[in-house]
Amino acid sequence: MLHALISGWRNLRYIHRYYTHGEDGQGMVEYALIMIFVSVMLVILLVIIGPSIGNIYSNLVAVLENTGG
């Protein structure tokens, strides 16, 4: 009886390993691709919006200098 349970457990481990082989690496690749995509989008956003943000801060500094603050 015990031998049958151990043999069955080994078969289940083999079946699990067979069907789940390589999924961990696939998850890491998907995560890396998402991180690269988000990084590229942030760079593009900063290149497009960066000058307007700089103008806003320049105007704010000019207003504060003129008011004596």
PDB file of N, CA and C in Angstrom:
ATOM      1  N   MET A   1       0.827  -1.195   0.000  1.00  0.00           N
ATOM      2  CA  MET A   1       0.000   0.000   0.000  1.00  0.00           C
ATOM      3  C   MET A   1       0.877   1.267   0.000  1.00  0.00           C
ATOM      4  N   LEU A   2       1.858   1.282   0.876  1.00  0.00           N
ATOM      5  CA  LEU A   2       2.742   2.442   0.964  1.00  0.00           C
ATOM      6  C   LEU A   2       3.530   2.629  -0.328  1.00  0.00           C
ATOM      7  N   HIS A   3       3.970   1.536  -0.899  1.00  0.00           N
ATOM      8  CA  HIS A   3       4.709   1.611  -2.157  1.00  0.00           C
ATOM      9  C   HIS A   3       3.840   2.204  -3.273  1.00  0.00           C
ATOM     10  N   ALA A   4       2.576   1.858  -3.296  1.00  0.00           N
ATOM     11  CA  ALA A   4       1.656   2.390  -4.311  1.00  0.00           C
ATOM     12  C   ALA A   4       1.456   3.891  -4.119  1.00  0.00           C
ATOM     13  N   LEU A   5       1.366   4.343  -2.865  1.00  0.00           N
ATOM     14  CA  LEU A   5       1.202   5.779  -2.597  1.00  0.00           C
ATOM     15  C   LEU A   5       2.447   6.556  -3.033  1.00  0.00           C
ATOM     16  N   ILE A   6       3.617   6.031  -2.698  1.00  0.00           N
ATOM     17  CA  ILE A   6       4.862   6.700  -3.079  1.00  0.00           C
ATOM     18  C   ILE A   6       4.999   6.734  -4.595  1.00  0.00           C
ATOM     19  N   SER A   7       4.674   5.621  -5.240  1.00  0.00           N
ATOM     20  CA  SER A   7       4.750   5.565  -6.693  1.00  0.00           C
ATOM     21  C   SER A   7       3.770   6.541  -7.331  1.00  0.00           C
ATOM     22  N   GLY A   8       2.572   6.616  -6.784  1.00  0.00           N
ATOM     23  CA  GLY A   8       1.576   7.565  -7.284  1.00  0.00           C
ATOM     24  C   GLY A   8       2.033   9.005  -7.101  1.00  0.00           C
ATOM     25  N   TRP A   9       2.659   9.309  -5.954  1.00  0.00           N
ATOM     26  CA  TRP A   9       3.166  10.649  -5.689  1.00  0.00           C
ATOM     27  C   TRP A   9       4.262  11.023  -6.685  1.00  0.00           C
ATOM     28  N   ARG A  10       5.136  10.076  -6.985  1.00  0.00           N
ATOM     29  CA  ARG A  10       6.190  10.345  -7.963  1.00  0.00           C
ATOM     30  C   ARG A  10       5.592  10.610  -9.342  1.00  0.00           C
ATOM     31  N   ASN A  11       4.563   9.848  -9.698  1.00  0.00           N
ATOM     32  CA  ASN A  11       3.911  10.074 -10.985  1.00  0.00           C
ATOM     33  C   ASN A  11       3.257  11.454 -11.045  1.00  0.00           C
ATOM     34  N   LEU A  12       2.627  11.867  -9.952  1.00  0.00           N
ATOM     35  CA  LEU A  12       2.006  13.189  -9.928  1.00  0.00           C
ATOM     36  C   LEU A  12       3.063  14.285 -10.053  1.00  0.00           C
ATOM     37  N   ARG A  13       4.194  14.124  -9.378  1.00  0.00           N
ATOM     38  CA  ARG A  13       5.266  15.115  -9.493  1.00  0.00           C
ATOM     39  C   ARG A  13       5.792  15.179 -10.915  1.00  0.00           C
ATOM     40  N   TYR A  14       5.929  14.018 -11.551  1.00  0.00           N
ATOM     41  CA  TYR A  14       6.410  13.979 -12.934  1.00  0.00           C
ATOM     42  C   TYR A  14       5.418  14.672 -13.864  1.00  0.00           C
ATOM     43  N   ILE A  15       4.140  14.390 -13.686  1.00  0.00           N
ATOM     44  CA  ILE A  15       3.108  15.010 -14.537  1.00  0.00           C
ATOM     45  C   ILE A  15       3.093  16.518 -14.323  1.00  0.00           C
ATOM     46  N   HIS A  16       3.172  16.949 -13.066  1.00  0.00           N
ATOM     47  CA  HIS A  16       3.178  18.394 -12.774  1.00  0.00           C
ATOM     48  C   HIS A  16       4.389  19.064 -13.409  1.00  0.00           C
ATOM     49  N   ARG A  17       5.566  18.448 -13.255  1.00  0.00           N
ATOM     50  CA  ARG A  17       6.783  19.012 -13.829  1.00  0.00           C
ATOM     51  C   ARG A  17       6.703  19.056 -15.354  1.00  0.00           C
ATOM     52  N   TYR A  18       6.093  18.039 -15.945  1.00  0.00           N
ATOM     53  CA  TYR A  18       5.989  17.973 -17.405  1.00  0.00           C
ATOM     54  C   TYR A  18       5.120  19.111 -17.946  1.00  0.00           C
ATOM     55  N   TYR A  19       4.001  19.379 -17.295  1.00  0.00           N
ATOM     56  CA  TYR A  19       3.068  20.381 -17.822  1.00  0.00           C
ATOM     57  C   TYR A  19       3.401  21.810 -17.406  1.00  0.00           C
ATOM     58  N   THR A  20       4.179  21.976 -16.357  1.00  0.00           N
ATOM     59  CA  THR A  20       4.505  23.337 -15.915  1.00  0.00           C
ATOM     60  C   THR A  20       5.935  23.718 -16.239  1.00  0.00           C
ATOM     61  N   HIS A  21       6.604  22.937 -17.031  1.00  0.00           N
ATOM     62  CA  HIS A  21       8.000  23.205 -17.374  1.00  0.00           C
ATOM     63  C   HIS A  21       8.121  24.521 -18.137  1.00  0.00           C
ATOM     64  N   GLY A  22       8.950  25.424 -17.635  1.00  0.00           N
ATOM     65  CA  GLY A  22       9.251  26.653 -18.358  1.00  0.00           C
ATOM     66  C   GLY A  22       8.306  27.814 -18.108  1.00  0.00           C
ATOM     67  N   GLU A  23       7.306  27.646 -17.258  1.00  0.00           N
ATOM     68  CA  GLU A  23       6.370  28.754 -17.050  1.00  0.00           C
ATOM     69  C   GLU A  23       6.953  29.845 -16.176  1.00  0.00           C
ATOM     70  N   ASP A  24       7.864  29.512 -15.281  1.00  0.00           N
ATOM     71  CA  ASP A  24       8.468  30.532 -14.425  1.00  0.00           C
ATOM     72  C   ASP A  24       9.290  31.508 -15.255  1.00  0.00           C
ATOM     73  N   GLY A  25      10.064  31.000 -16.186  1.00  0.00           N
ATOM     74  CA  GLY A  25      10.859  31.863 -17.052  1.00  0.00           C
ATOM     75  C   GLY A  25       9.990  32.732 -17.930  1.00  0.00           C
ATOM     76  N   GLN A  26       8.869  32.179 -18.384  1.00  0.00           N
ATOM     77  CA  GLN A  26       7.957  32.952 -19.221  1.00  0.00           C
ATOM     78  C   GLN A  26       7.385  34.127 -18.434  1.00  0.00           C
ATOM     79  N   GLY A  27       7.053  33.920 -17.167  1.00  0.00           N
ATOM     80  CA  GLY A  27       6.528  35.001 -16.334  1.00  0.00           C
ATOM     81  C   GLY A  27       7.550  36.110 -16.152  1.00  0.00           C
ATOM     82  N   MET A  28       8.808  35.729 -15.979  1.00  0.00           N
ATOM     83  CA  MET A  28       9.855  36.737 -15.808  1.00  0.00           C
ATOM     84  C   MET A  28      10.060  37.542 -17.090  1.00  0.00           C
ATOM     85  N   VAL A  29       9.980  36.883 -18.232  1.00  0.00           N
ATOM     86  CA  VAL A  29      10.124  37.586 -19.508  1.00  0.00           C
ATOM     87  C   VAL A  29       8.967  38.556 -19.697  1.00  0.00           C
ATOM     88  N   GLU A  30       7.748  38.131 -19.364  1.00  0.00           N
ATOM     89  CA  GLU A  30       6.595  39.023 -19.496  1.00  0.00           C
ATOM     90  C   GLU A  30       6.747  40.230 -18.573  1.00  0.00           C
ATOM     91  N   TYR A  31       7.208  40.001 -17.336  1.00  0.00           N
ATOM     92  CA  TYR A  31       7.421  41.092 -16.392  1.00  0.00           C
ATOM     93  C   TYR A  31       8.470  42.063 -16.928  1.00  0.00           C
ATOM     94  N   ALA A  32       9.547  41.541 -17.478  1.00  0.00           N
ATOM     95  CA  ALA A  32      10.598  42.402 -18.028  1.00  0.00           C
ATOM     96  C   ALA A  32      10.076  43.214 -19.208  1.00  0.00           C
ATOM     97  N   LEU A  33       9.272  42.596 -20.068  1.00  0.00           N
ATOM     98  CA  LEU A  33       8.716  43.334 -21.206  1.00  0.00           C
ATOM     99  C   LEU A  33       7.781  44.446 -20.751  1.00  0.00           C
ATOM    100  N   ILE A  34       6.993  44.191 -19.724  1.00  0.00           N
ATOM    101  CA  ILE A  34       6.103  45.229 -19.188  1.00  0.00           C
ATOM    102  C   ILE A  34       6.930  46.379 -18.617  1.00  0.00           C
ATOM    103  N   MET A  35       7.998  46.058 -17.880  1.00  0.00           N
ATOM    104  CA  MET A  35       8.846  47.106 -17.303  1.00  0.00           C
ATOM    105  C   MET A  35       9.525  47.931 -18.395  1.00  0.00           C
ATOM    106  N   ILE A  36       9.977  47.283 -19.455  1.00  0.00           N
ATOM    107  CA  ILE A  36      10.592  48.014 -20.568  1.00  0.00           C
ATOM    108  C   ILE A  36       9.559  48.928 -21.221  1.00  0.00           C
ATOM    109  N   PHE A  37       8.351  48.422 -21.438  1.00  0.00           N
ATOM    110  CA  PHE A  37       7.290  49.223 -22.055  1.00  0.00           C
ATOM    111  C   PHE A  37       6.962  50.443 -21.207  1.00  0.00           C
ATOM    112  N   VAL A  38       6.813  50.251 -19.896  1.00  0.00           N
ATOM    113  CA  VAL A  38       6.506  51.375 -19.005  1.00  0.00           C
ATOM    114  C   VAL A  38       7.648  52.385 -19.014  1.00  0.00           C
ATOM    115  N   SER A  39       8.885  51.921 -19.007  1.00  0.00           N
ATOM    116  CA  SER A  39      10.038  52.821 -19.029  1.00  0.00           C
ATOM    117  C   SER A  39      10.077  53.652 -20.309  1.00  0.00           C
ATOM    118  N   VAL A  40       9.842  53.014 -21.440  1.00  0.00           N
ATOM    119  CA  VAL A  40       9.851  53.730 -22.719  1.00  0.00           C
ATOM    120  C   VAL A  40       8.731  54.764 -22.748  1.00  0.00           C
ATOM    121  N   MET A  41       7.551  54.401 -22.249  1.00  0.00           N
ATOM    122  CA  MET A  41       6.428  55.343 -22.226  1.00  0.00           C
ATOM    123  C   MET A  41       6.730  56.541 -21.329  1.00  0.00           C
ATOM    124  N   LEU A  42       7.388  56.315 -20.193  1.00  0.00           N
ATOM    125  CA  LEU A  42       7.746  57.428 -19.311  1.00  0.00           C
ATOM    126  C   LEU A  42       8.757  58.357 -19.966  1.00  0.00           C
ATOM    127  N   VAL A  43       9.729  57.809 -20.665  1.00  0.00           N
ATOM    128  CA  VAL A  43      10.715  58.639 -21.353  1.00  0.00           C
ATOM    129  C   VAL A  43      10.032  59.478 -22.429  1.00  0.00           C
ATOM    130  N   ILE A  44       9.162  58.850 -23.209  1.00  0.00           N
ATOM    131  CA  ILE A  44       8.441  59.577 -24.258  1.00  0.00           C
ATOM    132  C   ILE A  44       7.583  60.676 -23.643  1.00  0.00           C
ATOM    133  N   LEU A  45       6.899  60.363 -22.542  1.00  0.00           N
ATOM    134  CA  LEU A  45       6.055  61.358 -21.874  1.00  0.00           C
ATOM    135  C   LEU A  45       6.879  62.535 -21.364  1.00  0.00           C
ATOM    136  N   LEU A  46       8.039  62.238 -20.793  1.00  0.00           N
ATOM    137  CA  LEU A  46       8.881  63.324 -20.292  1.00  0.00           C
ATOM    138  C   LEU A  46       9.457  64.169 -21.420  1.00  0.00           C
ATOM    139  N   VAL A  47       9.777  63.554 -22.545  1.00  0.00           N
ATOM    140  CA  VAL A  47      10.294  64.320 -23.678  1.00  0.00           C
ATOM    141  C   VAL A  47       9.209  65.242 -24.222  1.00  0.00           C
ATOM    142  N   ILE A  48       7.980  64.762 -24.264  1.00  0.00           N
ATOM    143  CA  ILE A  48       6.882  65.572 -24.805  1.00  0.00           C
ATOM    144  C   ILE A  48       6.450  66.653 -23.820  1.00  0.00           C
ATOM    145  N   ILE A  49       6.294  66.299 -22.550  1.00  0.00           N
ATOM    146  CA  ILE A  49       5.739  67.237 -21.570  1.00  0.00           C
ATOM    147  C   ILE A  49       6.827  68.022 -20.839  1.00  0.00           C
ATOM    148  N   GLY A  50       8.067  67.549 -20.891  1.00  0.00           N
ATOM    149  CA  GLY A  50       9.153  68.189 -20.145  1.00  0.00           C
ATOM    150  C   GLY A  50       9.300  69.682 -20.358  1.00  0.00           C
ATOM    151  N   PRO A  51       9.317  70.160 -21.607  1.00  0.00           N
ATOM    152  CA  PRO A  51       9.465  71.604 -21.806  1.00  0.00           C
ATOM    153  C   PRO A  51       8.326  72.423 -21.193  1.00  0.00           C
ATOM    154  N   SER A  52       7.087  71.922 -21.265  1.00  0.00           N
ATOM    155  CA  SER A  52       5.984  72.688 -20.664  1.00  0.00           C
ATOM    156  C   SER A  52       6.104  72.739 -19.155  1.00  0.00           C
ATOM    157  N   ILE A  53       6.581  71.635 -18.544  1.00  0.00           N
ATOM    158  CA  ILE A  53       6.771  71.651 -17.095  1.00  0.00           C
ATOM    159  C   ILE A  53       7.880  72.636 -16.737  1.00  0.00           C
ATOM    160  N   GLY A  54       8.935  72.685 -17.533  1.00  0.00           N
ATOM    161  CA  GLY A  54      10.007  73.663 -17.301  1.00  0.00           C
ATOM    162  C   GLY A  54       9.505  75.089 -17.406  1.00  0.00           C
ATOM    163  N   ASN A  55       8.631  75.355 -18.367  1.00  0.00           N
ATOM    164  CA  ASN A  55       8.064  76.700 -18.507  1.00  0.00           C
ATOM    165  C   ASN A  55       7.198  77.073 -17.306  1.00  0.00           C
ATOM    166  N   ILE A  56       6.449  76.129 -16.804  1.00  0.00           N
ATOM    167  CA  ILE A  56       5.602  76.399 -15.634  1.00  0.00           C
ATOM    168  C   ILE A  56       6.465  76.781 -14.443  1.00  0.00           C
ATOM    169  N   TYR A  57       7.537  76.030 -14.192  1.00  0.00           N
ATOM    170  CA  TYR A  57       8.423  76.354 -13.072  1.00  0.00           C
ATOM    171  C   TYR A  57       9.149  77.671 -13.295  1.00  0.00           C
ATOM    172  N   SER A  58       9.550  77.959 -14.518  1.00  0.00           N
ATOM    173  CA  SER A  58      10.212  79.242 -14.798  1.00  0.00           C
ATOM    174  C   SER A  58       9.264  80.404 -14.531  1.00  0.00           C
ATOM    175  N   ASN A  59       8.022  80.274 -14.968  1.00  0.00           N
ATOM    176  CA  ASN A  59       7.032  81.325 -14.713  1.00  0.00           C
ATOM    177  C   ASN A  59       6.768  81.477 -13.220  1.00  0.00           C
ATOM    178  N   LEU A  60       6.711  80.381 -12.495  1.00  0.00           N
ATOM    179  CA  LEU A  60       6.484  80.433 -11.057  1.00  0.00           C
ATOM    180  C   LEU A  60       7.635  81.130 -10.346  1.00  0.00           C
ATOM    181  N   VAL A  61       8.860  80.825 -10.757  1.00  0.00           N
ATOM    182  CA  VAL A  61      10.034  81.480 -10.159  1.00  0.00           C
ATOM    183  C   VAL A  61      10.017  82.977 -10.473  1.00  0.00           C
ATOM    184  N   ALA A  62       9.651  83.342 -11.708  1.00  0.00           N
ATOM    185  CA  ALA A  62       9.598  84.750 -12.075  1.00  0.00           C
ATOM    186  C   ALA A  62       8.558  85.491 -11.245  1.00  0.00           C
ATOM    187  N   VAL A  63       7.428  84.890 -11.042  1.00  0.00           N
ATOM    188  CA  VAL A  63       6.377  85.532 -10.239  1.00  0.00           C
ATOM    189  C   VAL A  63       6.837  85.682  -8.804  1.00  0.00           C
ATOM    190  N   LEU A  64       7.468  84.661  -8.243  1.00  0.00           N
ATOM    191  CA  LEU A  64       7.936  84.760  -6.859  1.00  0.00           C
ATOM    192  C   LEU A  64       9.048  85.785  -6.717  1.00  0.00           C
ATOM    193  N   GLU A  65       9.917  85.943  -7.706  1.00  0.00           N
ATOM    194  CA  GLU A  65      10.973  86.935  -7.633  1.00  0.00           C
ATOM    195  C   GLU A  65      10.399  88.352  -7.719  1.00  0.00           C
ATOM    196  N   ASN A  66       9.359  88.530  -8.520  1.00  0.00           N
ATOM    197  CA  ASN A  66       8.762  89.852  -8.683  1.00  0.00           C
ATOM    198  C   ASN A  66       7.948  90.263  -7.452  1.00  0.00           C
ATOM    199  N   THR A  67       7.413  89.314  -6.718  1.00  0.00           N
ATOM    200  CA  THR A  67       6.624  89.653  -5.536  1.00  0.00           C
ATOM    201  C   THR A  67       7.491  89.766  -4.295  1.00  0.00           C
ATOM    202  N   GLY A  68       8.765  89.455  -4.407  1.00  0.00           N
ATOM    203  CA  GLY A  68       9.675  89.588  -3.260  1.00  0.00           C
ATOM    204  C   GLY A  68       9.610  88.385  -2.346  1.00  0.00           C
ATOM    205  N   GLY A  69       8.994  87.269  -2.810  1.00  0.00           N
ATOM    206  CA  GLY A  69       8.835  86.085  -1.957  1.00  0.00           C
ATOM    207  C   GLY A  69       9.991  85.246  -2.045  1.00  0.00           C
TER     208      GLY A  69
END
